[in-house]
């Protein structure tokens, strides 16, 4: 994942703003997305954005290395949702190394 993208993700998470970005799927198809970022899932070496996708009315996982041009939408806020696997998640600092 490109570390230069992290400030956009961080701003969207902390301020609870929708995030707009371009996404390339496994087949190379590109789509524009506007989602509610809920969590990051790190399965080294791949990082995922876990987000509520209103267009699909469901949670989606986006490989962060396939996201380009992320932009927090400061005029569109959201409320945090309960993530189905939330009870199995811990902060990165608590992971056994």
Protein backbone atom coordinates (compact mmCIF):
# COMPACT_ATOMS: atom_id res chain seq x y z
CA UNK A 1 0.00 0.00 0.00
CA UNK A 2 1.23 3.47 -0.84
CA UNK A 3 1.94 5.24 2.50
CA UNK A 4 1.17 8.59 0.83
CA UNK A 5 -2.52 7.58 0.86
CA UNK A 6 -2.69 7.19 4.65
CA UNK A 7 -3.49 10.85 5.48
CA UNK A 8 -6.68 10.68 3.39
CA UNK A 9 -7.75 7.45 5.06
CA UNK A 10 -6.90 8.79 8.51
CA UNK A 11 -8.90 11.99 7.97
CA UNK A 12 -11.94 10.05 6.77
CA UNK A 13 -11.79 7.62 9.73
CA UNK A 14 -11.21 10.19 12.45
CA UNK A 15 -13.71 12.74 11.19
CA UNK A 16 -16.23 10.11 10.01
CA UNK A 17 -16.51 11.47 6.51
CA UNK A 18 -17.43 9.49 3.43
CA UNK A 19 -14.45 8.50 1.33
CA UNK A 20 -14.49 8.75 -2.47
CA UNK A 21 -11.92 6.81 -4.50
CA UNK A 22 -11.24 4.90 -7.68
CA UNK A 23 -11.02 1.13 -7.26
CA UNK A 24 -9.54 -1.55 -9.50
CA UNK A 25 -10.94 -5.03 -8.85
CA UNK A 26 -9.12 -8.36 -9.32
CA UNK A 27 -10.12 -8.44 -13.00
CA UNK A 28 -8.78 -4.93 -13.61
CA UNK A 29 -12.19 -3.25 -13.84
CA UNK A 30 -12.25 0.29 -12.48
CA UNK A 31 -15.13 1.85 -10.56
CA UNK A 32 -15.70 5.01 -8.59
CA UNK A 33 -16.81 4.41 -5.00
CA UNK A 34 -18.21 6.50 -2.14
CA UNK A 35 -18.17 4.59 1.13
CA UNK A 36 -18.30 4.95 4.91
CA UNK A 37 -14.86 3.80 6.14
CA UNK A 38 -15.31 1.66 9.25
CA UNK A 39 -12.05 -0.22 9.87
CA UNK A 40 -8.77 -1.37 8.46
CA UNK A 41 -8.01 -5.06 8.27
CA UNK A 42 -4.31 -5.89 8.07
CA UNK A 43 -3.36 -9.34 6.84
CA UNK A 44 0.32 -8.85 6.00
CA UNK A 45 1.34 -7.95 3.45
CA UNK A 46 -2.15 -6.84 2.33
CA UNK A 47 -4.16 -4.05 3.95
CA UNK A 48 -7.92 -3.81 3.49
CA UNK A 49 -10.38 -1.01 3.96
CA UNK A 50 -13.60 -2.29 5.56
CA UNK A 51 -16.41 0.05 4.61
CA UNK A 52 -20.16 0.31 4.40
CA UNK A 53 -21.08 0.77 0.74
CA UNK A 54 -24.47 2.52 0.48
CA UNK A 55 -24.70 1.72 -3.24
CA UNK A 56 -24.68 -2.00 -2.38
CA UNK A 57 -26.33 -1.66 1.06
CA UNK A 58 -23.66 -3.88 2.63
CA UNK A 59 -20.13 -4.03 4.00
CA UNK A 60 -17.33 -4.34 1.47
CA UNK A 61 -13.61 -5.03 1.76
CA UNK A 62 -11.30 -3.08 -0.53
CA UNK A 63 -7.66 -3.96 -1.00
CA UNK A 64 -5.89 -0.73 -0.22
CA UNK A 65 -3.26 -1.32 -2.90
CA UNK A 66 -6.07 -1.15 -5.49
CA UNK A 67 -7.39 2.22 -4.30
CA UNK A 68 -6.32 5.42 -6.01
CA UNK A 69 -7.12 9.07 -5.41
CA UNK A 70 -8.89 8.75 -2.02
CA UNK A 71 -10.70 11.94 -0.99
CA UNK A 72 -12.59 12.48 2.26
CA UNK A 73 -15.93 14.16 1.54
CA UNK A 74 -16.02 16.78 4.28
CA UNK A 75 -19.65 17.66 3.55
CA UNK A 76 -20.87 14.06 4.05
CA UNK A 77 -20.60 12.58 7.53
CA UNK A 78 -21.78 9.19 8.78
CA UNK A 79 -22.36 7.35 12.05
CA UNK A 80 -20.15 4.41 12.94
CA UNK A 81 -21.69 0.99 12.26
CA UNK A 82 -21.19 -2.29 14.09
CA UNK A 83 -18.78 -4.39 12.07
CA UNK A 84 -19.80 -8.09 12.01
CA UNK A 85 -16.32 -9.30 13.02
CA UNK A 86 -15.63 -6.44 15.46
CA UNK A 87 -15.38 -8.68 18.53
CA UNK A 88 -12.44 -10.52 16.92
CA UNK A 89 -10.45 -7.38 16.17
CA UNK A 90 -7.77 -5.76 18.25
CA UNK A 91 -5.62 -2.66 17.80
CA UNK A 92 -2.35 -3.15 15.96
CA UNK A 93 -0.39 -2.31 19.12
CA UNK A 94 -1.99 -5.31 20.88
CA UNK A 95 -0.99 -7.89 18.27
CA UNK A 96 1.50 -10.50 19.49
CA UNK A 97 4.76 -10.07 17.62
